[in-house]
PDB file of all heavy atoms in Angstrom:
ATOM      1  N   GLN A   1    -115.052 139.630 -43.743  1.00  0.00           N
ATOM      2  CA  GLN A   1    -115.048 138.938 -42.448  1.00  0.00           C
ATOM      3  C   GLN A   1    -113.666 138.889 -41.795  1.00  0.00           C
ATOM      4  O   GLN A   1    -113.501 138.296 -40.728  1.00  0.00           O
ATOM      5  CB  GLN A   1    -115.588 137.508 -42.626  1.00  0.00           C
ATOM      6  CG  GLN A   1    -117.042 137.426 -43.067  1.00  0.00           C
ATOM      7  CD  GLN A   1    -117.990 138.004 -42.040  1.00  0.00           C
ATOM      8  OE1 GLN A   1    -117.805 137.845 -40.843  1.00  0.00           O
ATOM      9  NE2 GLN A   1    -119.020 138.698 -42.503  1.00  0.00           N
ATOM     10  N   GLY A   2    -112.682 139.490 -42.438  1.00  0.00           N
ATOM     11  CA  GLY A   2    -111.352 139.555 -41.838  1.00  0.00           C
ATOM     12  C   GLY A   2    -110.549 138.271 -41.948  1.00  0.00           C
ATOM     13  O   GLY A   2    -109.738 137.951 -41.066  1.00  0.00           O
ATOM     14  N   PHE A   3    -110.744 137.533 -43.033  1.00  0.00           N
ATOM     15  CA  PHE A   3    -110.074 136.241 -43.222  1.00  0.00           C
ATOM     16  C   PHE A   3    -108.556 136.374 -43.122  1.00  0.00           C
ATOM     17  O   PHE A   3    -107.907 135.685 -42.338  1.00  0.00           O
ATOM     18  CB  PHE A   3    -110.474 135.662 -44.590  1.00  0.00           C
ATOM     19  CG  PHE A   3    -109.878 134.327 -44.907  1.00  0.00           C
ATOM     20  CD1 PHE A   3    -110.258 133.190 -44.216  1.00  0.00           C
ATOM     21  CD2 PHE A   3    -108.933 134.200 -45.912  1.00  0.00           C
ATOM     22  CE1 PHE A   3    -109.717 131.956 -44.519  1.00  0.00           C
ATOM     23  CE2 PHE A   3    -108.378 132.967 -46.225  1.00  0.00           C
ATOM     24  CZ  PHE A   3    -108.776 131.839 -45.521  1.00  0.00           C
ATOM     25  N   ARG A   4    -107.966 137.283 -43.894  1.00  0.00           N
ATOM     26  CA  ARG A   4    -106.503 137.437 -43.889  1.00  0.00           C
ATOM     27  C   ARG A   4    -105.995 137.912 -42.537  1.00  0.00           C
ATOM     28  O   ARG A   4    -104.998 137.420 -42.024  1.00  0.00           O
ATOM     29  CB  ARG A   4    -106.071 138.439 -44.969  1.00  0.00           C
ATOM     30  CG  ARG A   4    -106.273 137.980 -46.385  1.00  0.00           C
ATOM     31  CD  ARG A   4    -105.826 139.091 -47.327  1.00  0.00           C
ATOM     32  NE  ARG A   4    -106.334 138.895 -48.658  1.00  0.00           N
ATOM     33  CZ  ARG A   4    -105.558 138.712 -49.738  1.00  0.00           C
ATOM     34  NH1 ARG A   4    -104.254 138.704 -49.612  1.00  0.00           N
ATOM     35  NH2 ARG A   4    -106.100 138.559 -50.926  1.00  0.00           N
ATOM     36  N   SER A   5    -106.671 138.902 -41.960  1.00  0.00           N
ATOM     37  CA  SER A   5    -106.195 139.453 -40.690  1.00  0.00           C
ATOM     38  C   SER A   5    -106.287 138.424 -39.574  1.00  0.00           C
ATOM     39  O   SER A   5    -105.439 138.402 -38.674  1.00  0.00           O
ATOM     40  CB  SER A   5    -106.983 140.711 -40.320  1.00  0.00           C
ATOM     41  OG  SER A   5    -108.351 140.429 -40.152  1.00  0.00           O
ATOM     42  N   ALA A   6    -107.285 137.546 -39.633  1.00  0.00           N
ATOM     43  CA  ALA A   6    -107.405 136.490 -38.628  1.00  0.00           C
ATOM     44  C   ALA A   6    -106.222 135.523 -38.726  1.00  0.00           C
ATOM     45  O   ALA A   6    -105.656 135.104 -37.710  1.00  0.00           O
ATOM     46  CB  ALA A   6    -108.717 135.733 -38.799  1.00  0.00           C
ATOM     47  N   VAL A   7    -105.830 135.170 -39.951  1.00  0.00           N
ATOM     48  CA  VAL A   7    -104.696 134.270 -40.156  1.00  0.00           C
ATOM     49  C   VAL A   7    -103.405 134.914 -39.660  1.00  0.00           C
ATOM     50  O   VAL A   7    -102.608 134.291 -38.937  1.00  0.00           O
ATOM     51  CB  VAL A   7    -104.563 133.877 -41.642  1.00  0.00           C
ATOM     52  CG1 VAL A   7    -103.271 133.094 -41.878  1.00  0.00           C
ATOM     53  CG2 VAL A   7    -105.765 133.043 -42.088  1.00  0.00           C
ATOM     54  N   VAL A   8    -103.195 136.180 -40.018  1.00  0.00           N
ATOM     55  CA  VAL A   8    -101.980 136.887 -39.596  1.00  0.00           C
ATOM     56  C   VAL A   8    -101.934 137.015 -38.074  1.00  0.00           C
ATOM     57  O   VAL A   8    -100.882 136.829 -37.447  1.00  0.00           O
ATOM     58  CB  VAL A   8    -101.897 138.272 -40.271  1.00  0.00           C
ATOM     59  CG1 VAL A   8    -100.751 139.089 -39.679  1.00  0.00           C
ATOM     60  CG2 VAL A   8    -101.703 138.114 -41.779  1.00  0.00           C
ATOM     61  N   SER A   9    -103.070 137.303 -37.447  1.00  0.00           N
ATOM     62  CA  SER A   9    -103.124 137.414 -35.993  1.00  0.00           C
ATOM     63  C   SER A   9    -102.792 136.081 -35.329  1.00  0.00           C
ATOM     64  O   SER A   9    -102.084 136.040 -34.311  1.00  0.00           O
ATOM     65  CB  SER A   9    -104.504 137.889 -35.536  1.00  0.00           C
ATOM     66  OG  SER A   9    -104.763 139.207 -35.979  1.00  0.00           O
ATOM     67  N   ALA A  10    -103.291 134.993 -35.895  1.00  0.00           N
ATOM     68  CA  ALA A  10    -102.983 133.661 -35.366  1.00  0.00           C
ATOM     69  C   ALA A  10    -101.495 133.373 -35.458  1.00  0.00           C
ATOM     70  O   ALA A  10    -100.882 132.820 -34.529  1.00  0.00           O
ATOM     71  CB  ALA A  10    -103.780 132.599 -36.126  1.00  0.00           C
ATOM     72  N   MET A  11    -100.885 133.760 -36.572  1.00  0.00           N
ATOM     73  CA  MET A  11     -99.456 133.531 -36.766  1.00  0.00           C
ATOM     74  C   MET A  11     -98.627 134.357 -35.792  1.00  0.00           C
ATOM     75  O   MET A  11     -97.607 133.893 -35.265  1.00  0.00           O
ATOM     76  CB  MET A  11     -99.070 133.837 -38.212  1.00  0.00           C
ATOM     77  CG  MET A  11     -99.690 132.870 -39.211  1.00  0.00           C
ATOM     78  SD  MET A  11     -99.281 133.283 -40.915  1.00  0.00           S
ATOM     79  CE  MET A  11     -97.526 132.889 -40.959  1.00  0.00           C
ATOM     80  N   GLU A  12     -99.056 135.597 -35.535  1.00  0.00           N
ATOM     81  CA  GLU A  12     -98.358 136.442 -34.562  1.00  0.00           C
ATOM     82  C   GLU A  12     -98.411 135.817 -33.174  1.00  0.00           C
ATOM     83  O   GLU A  12     -97.409 135.793 -32.445  1.00  0.00           O
ATOM     84  CB  GLU A  12     -98.978 137.837 -34.539  1.00  0.00           C
ATOM     85  CG  GLU A  12     -98.679 138.665 -35.787  1.00  0.00           C
ATOM     86  CD  GLU A  12     -99.430 139.982 -35.803  1.00  0.00           C
ATOM     87  OE1 GLU A  12    -100.370 140.146 -34.978  1.00  0.00           O
ATOM     88  OE2 GLU A  12     -99.101 140.843 -36.640  1.00  0.00           O
ATOM     89  N   ALA A  13     -99.571 135.271 -32.794  1.00  0.00           N
ATOM     90  CA  ALA A  13     -99.719 134.638 -31.485  1.00  0.00           C
ATOM     91  C   ALA A  13     -98.832 133.400 -31.384  1.00  0.00           C
ATOM     92  O   ALA A  13     -98.195 133.157 -30.352  1.00  0.00           O
ATOM     93  CB  ALA A  13    -101.180 134.267 -31.244  1.00  0.00           C
ATOM     94  N   CYS A  14     -98.781 132.630 -32.450  1.00  0.00           N
ATOM     95  CA  CYS A  14     -97.950 131.431 -32.483  1.00  0.00           C
ATOM     96  C   CYS A  14     -96.474 131.789 -32.343  1.00  0.00           C
ATOM     97  O   CYS A  14     -95.723 131.149 -31.603  1.00  0.00           O
ATOM     98  CB  CYS A  14     -98.203 130.668 -33.783  1.00  0.00           C
ATOM     99  SG  CYS A  14     -97.387 129.063 -33.879  1.00  0.00           S
ATOM    100  N   THR A  15     -96.044 132.825 -33.052  1.00  0.00           N
ATOM    101  CA  THR A  15     -94.641 133.252 -33.004  1.00  0.00           C
ATOM    102  C   THR A  15     -94.261 133.737 -31.608  1.00  0.00           C
ATOM    103  O   THR A  15     -93.194 133.410 -31.087  1.00  0.00           O
ATOM    104  CB  THR A  15     -94.385 134.363 -34.040  1.00  0.00           C
ATOM    105  OG1 THR A  15     -94.676 133.859 -35.346  1.00  0.00           O
ATOM    106  CG2 THR A  15     -92.937 134.810 -34.002  1.00  0.00           C
ATOM    107  N   GLU A  16     -95.135 134.507 -30.986  1.00  0.00           N
ATOM    108  CA  GLU A  16     -94.850 135.007 -29.640  1.00  0.00           C
ATOM    109  C   GLU A  16     -94.735 133.863 -28.643  1.00  0.00           C
ATOM    110  O   GLU A  16     -93.871 133.871 -27.761  1.00  0.00           O
ATOM    111  CB  GLU A  16     -95.941 135.988 -29.203  1.00  0.00           C
ATOM    112  CG  GLU A  16     -95.884 137.335 -29.887  1.00  0.00           C
ATOM    113  CD  GLU A  16     -94.511 137.987 -29.771  1.00  0.00           C
ATOM    114  OE1 GLU A  16     -94.022 138.101 -28.624  1.00  0.00           O
ATOM    115  OE2 GLU A  16     -93.924 138.362 -30.802  1.00  0.00           O
ATOM    116  N   LYS A  17     -95.589 132.854 -28.783  1.00  0.00           N
ATOM    117  CA  LYS A  17     -95.498 131.694 -27.884  1.00  0.00           C
ATOM    118  C   LYS A  17     -94.202 130.941 -28.115  1.00  0.00           C
ATOM    119  O   LYS A  17     -93.570 130.480 -27.155  1.00  0.00           O
ATOM    120  CB  LYS A  17     -96.691 130.759 -28.130  1.00  0.00           C
ATOM    121  CG  LYS A  17     -96.723 129.550 -27.216  1.00  0.00           C
ATOM    122  CD  LYS A  17     -96.906 129.942 -25.758  1.00  0.00           C
ATOM    123  CE  LYS A  17     -97.083 128.723 -24.880  1.00  0.00           C
ATOM    124  NZ  LYS A  17     -97.257 129.072 -23.455  1.00  0.00           N
ATOM    125  N   SER A  18     -93.776 130.816 -29.362  1.00  0.00           N
ATOM    126  CA  SER A  18     -92.522 130.140 -29.674  1.00  0.00           C
ATOM    127  C   SER A  18     -91.335 130.863 -29.023  1.00  0.00           C
ATOM    128  O   SER A  18     -90.421 130.229 -28.501  1.00  0.00           O
ATOM    129  CB  SER A  18     -92.297 130.078 -31.189  1.00  0.00           C
ATOM    130  OG  SER A  18     -93.295 129.280 -31.802  1.00  0.00           O
ATOM    131  N   LYS A  19     -91.366 132.185 -29.034  1.00  0.00           N
ATOM    132  CA  LYS A  19     -90.302 132.961 -28.413  1.00  0.00           C
ATOM    133  C   LYS A  19     -90.257 132.725 -26.899  1.00  0.00           C
ATOM    134  O   LYS A  19     -89.183 132.631 -26.310  1.00  0.00           O
ATOM    135  CB  LYS A  19     -90.496 134.440 -28.711  1.00  0.00           C
ATOM    136  CG  LYS A  19     -90.224 134.827 -30.157  1.00  0.00           C
ATOM    137  CD  LYS A  19     -90.485 136.311 -30.398  1.00  0.00           C
ATOM    138  CE  LYS A  19     -90.209 136.699 -31.835  1.00  0.00           C
ATOM    139  NZ  LYS A  19     -90.502 138.129 -32.103  1.00  0.00           N
ATOM    140  N   LYS A  20     -91.430 132.604 -26.278  1.00  0.00           N
ATOM    141  CA  LYS A  20     -91.481 132.390 -24.838  1.00  0.00           C
ATOM    142  C   LYS A  20     -90.930 131.029 -24.444  1.00  0.00           C
ATOM    143  O   LYS A  20     -90.445 130.849 -23.324  1.00  0.00           O
ATOM    144  CB  LYS A  20     -92.925 132.520 -24.344  1.00  0.00           C
ATOM    145  CG  LYS A  20     -93.456 133.946 -24.380  1.00  0.00           C
ATOM    146  CD  LYS A  20     -94.902 134.015 -23.936  1.00  0.00           C
ATOM    147  CE  LYS A  20     -95.444 135.441 -24.030  1.00  0.00           C
ATOM    148  NZ  LYS A  20     -96.866 135.515 -23.651  1.00  0.00           N
ATOM    149  N   LEU A  21     -90.983 130.068 -25.364  1.00  0.00           N
ATOM    150  CA  LEU A  21     -90.468 128.728 -25.068  1.00  0.00           C
ATOM    151  C   LEU A  21     -88.959 128.723 -24.883  1.00  0.00           C
ATOM    152  O   LEU A  21     -88.380 127.748 -24.404  1.00  0.00           O
ATOM    153  CB  LEU A  21     -90.867 127.748 -26.180  1.00  0.00           C
ATOM    154  CG  LEU A  21     -92.341 127.378 -26.245  1.00  0.00           C
ATOM    155  CD1 LEU A  21     -92.632 126.527 -27.474  1.00  0.00           C
ATOM    156  CD2 LEU A  21     -92.767 126.645 -24.990  1.00  0.00           C
ATOM    157  N   LYS A  22     -88.295 129.801 -25.283  1.00  0.00           N
ATOM    158  CA  LYS A  22     -86.853 129.884 -25.096  1.00  0.00           C
ATOM    159  C   LYS A  22     -86.474 129.901 -23.623  1.00  0.00           C
ATOM    160  O   LYS A  22     -85.340 129.636 -23.262  1.00  0.00           O
ATOM    161  CB  LYS A  22     -86.287 131.161 -25.754  1.00  0.00           C
ATOM    162  CG  LYS A  22     -86.236 131.100 -27.263  1.00  0.00           C
ATOM    163  CD  LYS A  22     -85.652 132.392 -27.800  1.00  0.00           C
ATOM    164  CE  LYS A  22     -85.555 132.381 -29.314  1.00  0.00           C
ATOM    165  NZ  LYS A  22     -85.011 133.637 -29.836  1.00  0.00           N
ATOM    166  N   GLY A  23     -87.449 130.191 -22.777  1.00  0.00           N
ATOM    167  CA  GLY A  23     -87.157 130.294 -21.368  1.00  0.00           C
ATOM    168  C   GLY A  23     -87.018 128.965 -20.649  1.00  0.00           C
ATOM    169  O   GLY A  23     -86.794 128.927 -19.451  1.00  0.00           O
ATOM    170  N   VAL A  24     -87.172 127.839 -21.380  1.00  0.00           N
ATOM    171  CA  VAL A  24     -87.085 126.535 -20.715  1.00  0.00           C
ATOM    172  C   VAL A  24     -85.667 126.298 -20.227  1.00  0.00           C
ATOM    173  O   VAL A  24     -84.714 126.839 -20.780  1.00  0.00           O
ATOM    174  CB  VAL A  24     -87.514 125.415 -21.670  1.00  0.00           C
ATOM    175  CG1 VAL A  24     -88.943 125.621 -22.103  1.00  0.00           C
ATOM    176  CG2 VAL A  24     -86.603 125.289 -22.869  1.00  0.00           C
TER     177      VAL A  24
END
């Protein structure tokens, strides 16, 4: 069911959002 890949994808999305917060 893609358990590991779903977790890794979620972490990638979280990291990218964190990087965008640098623009404040």
